[in-house]
Protein backbone atom coordinates (compact mmCIF):
# COMPACT_ATOMS: atom_id res chain seq x y z
CA MET A 1 -43.45 -67.48 38.76
CA GLU A 2 -42.03 -64.02 38.14
CA PHE A 3 -39.00 -63.42 35.96
CA THR A 4 -36.89 -60.28 36.13
CA LYS A 5 -36.64 -58.08 33.05
CA LYS A 6 -33.11 -59.38 32.37
CA GLU A 7 -34.30 -62.99 32.72
CA LYS A 8 -37.20 -62.35 30.34
CA LEU A 9 -34.87 -60.73 27.82
CA ALA A 10 -32.56 -63.75 27.95
CA MET A 11 -35.46 -66.18 27.72
CA VAL A 12 -37.01 -64.34 24.75
CA LYS A 13 -33.58 -64.21 23.07
CA MET A 14 -33.28 -67.99 23.20
CA ILE A 15 -36.91 -68.57 22.22
CA ASP A 16 -36.34 -66.34 19.20
CA TYR A 17 -33.17 -68.30 18.36
CA VAL A 18 -35.12 -71.55 18.38
CA ILE A 19 -37.89 -70.08 16.22
CA LEU A 20 -35.35 -68.83 13.67
CA ALA A 21 -33.05 -71.89 13.84
CA ASP A 22 -34.58 -73.62 10.81
CA SER A 23 -34.81 -70.35 8.83
CA GLN A 24 -38.60 -70.59 8.71
CA VAL A 25 -41.23 -69.06 10.96
CA ALA A 26 -44.29 -71.31 10.96
CA PRO A 27 -47.81 -70.24 11.99
CA GLY A 28 -47.65 -72.56 15.00
CA GLU A 29 -44.50 -70.83 16.21
CA MET A 30 -46.13 -67.41 15.82
CA ASN A 31 -49.22 -68.59 17.71
CA LEU A 32 -47.09 -69.87 20.57
CA LEU A 33 -45.02 -66.68 20.60
CA THR A 34 -48.22 -64.63 20.86
CA GLN A 35 -49.33 -66.77 23.82
CA LEU A 36 -45.93 -66.31 25.47
CA MET A 37 -46.14 -62.55 24.95
CA GLU A 38 -49.37 -62.53 26.92
CA ARG A 39 -48.18 -64.98 29.56
CA PHE A 40 -44.90 -63.17 30.26
CA ASN A 41 -46.13 -59.67 29.48
CA PHE A 42 -43.86 -58.54 26.64
CA ASP A 43 -44.40 -57.07 23.18
CA THR A 44 -42.71 -57.01 19.78
CA PHE A 45 -40.52 -54.08 20.86
CA PHE A 46 -39.24 -56.30 23.71
CA ILE A 47 -38.39 -59.02 21.17
CA GLY A 48 -36.28 -56.46 19.31
CA LYS A 49 -34.46 -55.60 22.54
CA ALA A 50 -33.90 -59.32 23.19
CA ARG A 51 -32.39 -59.70 19.72
CA ASP A 52 -29.86 -57.00 20.63
CA LEU A 53 -28.70 -59.09 23.59
CA LYS A 54 -25.63 -61.18 22.81
CA LYS A 55 -26.20 -64.93 22.96
CA LYS A 56 -23.45 -65.40 25.56
CA GLN A 57 -25.04 -62.72 27.77
CA ALA A 58 -28.40 -64.47 27.50
CA LEU A 59 -26.89 -67.84 28.40
CA ASP A 60 -25.03 -66.32 31.36
CA ILE A 61 -28.25 -64.73 32.66
CA LEU A 62 -30.19 -67.97 32.27
CA GLY A 63 -27.38 -69.92 33.93
CA LYS A 64 -27.65 -67.79 37.08
CA MET A 65 -31.38 -68.37 37.51
CA GLU A 66 -32.81 -70.65 40.17
CA LEU A 67 -33.54 -74.25 39.19
CA GLU A 68 -37.33 -73.83 38.92
CA LYS A 69 -36.93 -70.97 36.45
CA LYS A 70 -34.44 -73.00 34.42
CA LYS A 71 -37.00 -75.80 34.23
CA VAL A 72 -39.58 -73.35 32.85
CA VAL A 73 -37.09 -72.20 30.20
CA ALA A 74 -36.25 -75.79 29.23
CA LYS A 75 -39.94 -76.61 28.83
CA LEU A 76 -40.60 -73.45 26.82
CA LEU A 77 -37.74 -74.13 24.42
CA ASP A 78 -39.09 -77.63 23.81
CA GLU A 79 -42.60 -76.26 23.24
CA VAL A 80 -41.32 -73.70 20.76
CA ALA A 81 -39.32 -76.32 18.87
CA ILE A 82 -42.32 -78.59 18.34
CA SER A 83 -44.91 -75.83 17.86
CA ASP A 84 -44.54 -76.01 14.07
CA GLY A 85 -45.20 -79.76 14.06
CA PHE A 86 -41.62 -80.61 13.13
CA LEU A 87 -38.54 -80.90 15.31
CA HIS A 88 -35.62 -79.64 13.22
CA GLU A 89 -32.08 -80.82 13.96
CA LYS A 90 -30.84 -77.22 14.30
CA GLU A 91 -33.53 -76.56 16.91
CA VAL A 92 -32.53 -79.65 18.88
CA ASN A 93 -28.84 -78.69 18.74
CA LEU A 94 -29.57 -75.16 19.90
CA ILE A 95 -31.73 -76.36 22.77
CA MET A 96 -29.13 -78.91 23.84
CA GLU A 97 -26.40 -76.25 23.73
CA THR A 98 -28.54 -73.87 25.78
CA LEU A 99 -29.49 -76.45 28.39
CA GLN A 100 -25.92 -77.67 28.69
CA HIS A 101 -24.68 -74.11 29.23
CA ILE A 102 -27.24 -73.46 31.99
CA GLY A 103 -26.73 -76.84 33.67
CA MET A 104 -29.97 -78.45 32.52
CA GLU A 105 -28.74 -80.96 29.95
CA ASN A 106 -31.08 -83.66 31.27
CA GLU A 107 -34.18 -81.52 30.61
CA SER A 108 -34.02 -81.54 26.79
CA CYS A 109 -36.62 -82.76 24.26
């Protein structure tokens, strides 16, 4: 499945938010991020650009995607949240907020 550049920016923005939600970046999260960089063809510079994107803009972009793409994002956010071996409450809240905003509230952890 191909994502547009805007969709990837929005997706990376929210993945980064989940990674940083508990104020710690664990090795498992970094490993998964590296895998995602290869899978979706982006680099650390792209992550910086995604960080510049406002959260509301990212959520609006994700909300306009087709259902199958939204399902991929929901799964990725869950994978990122558990990649450090611990599901933090802040991560869960952020994922739930994101999925609710994009109309996928039944896809959460």
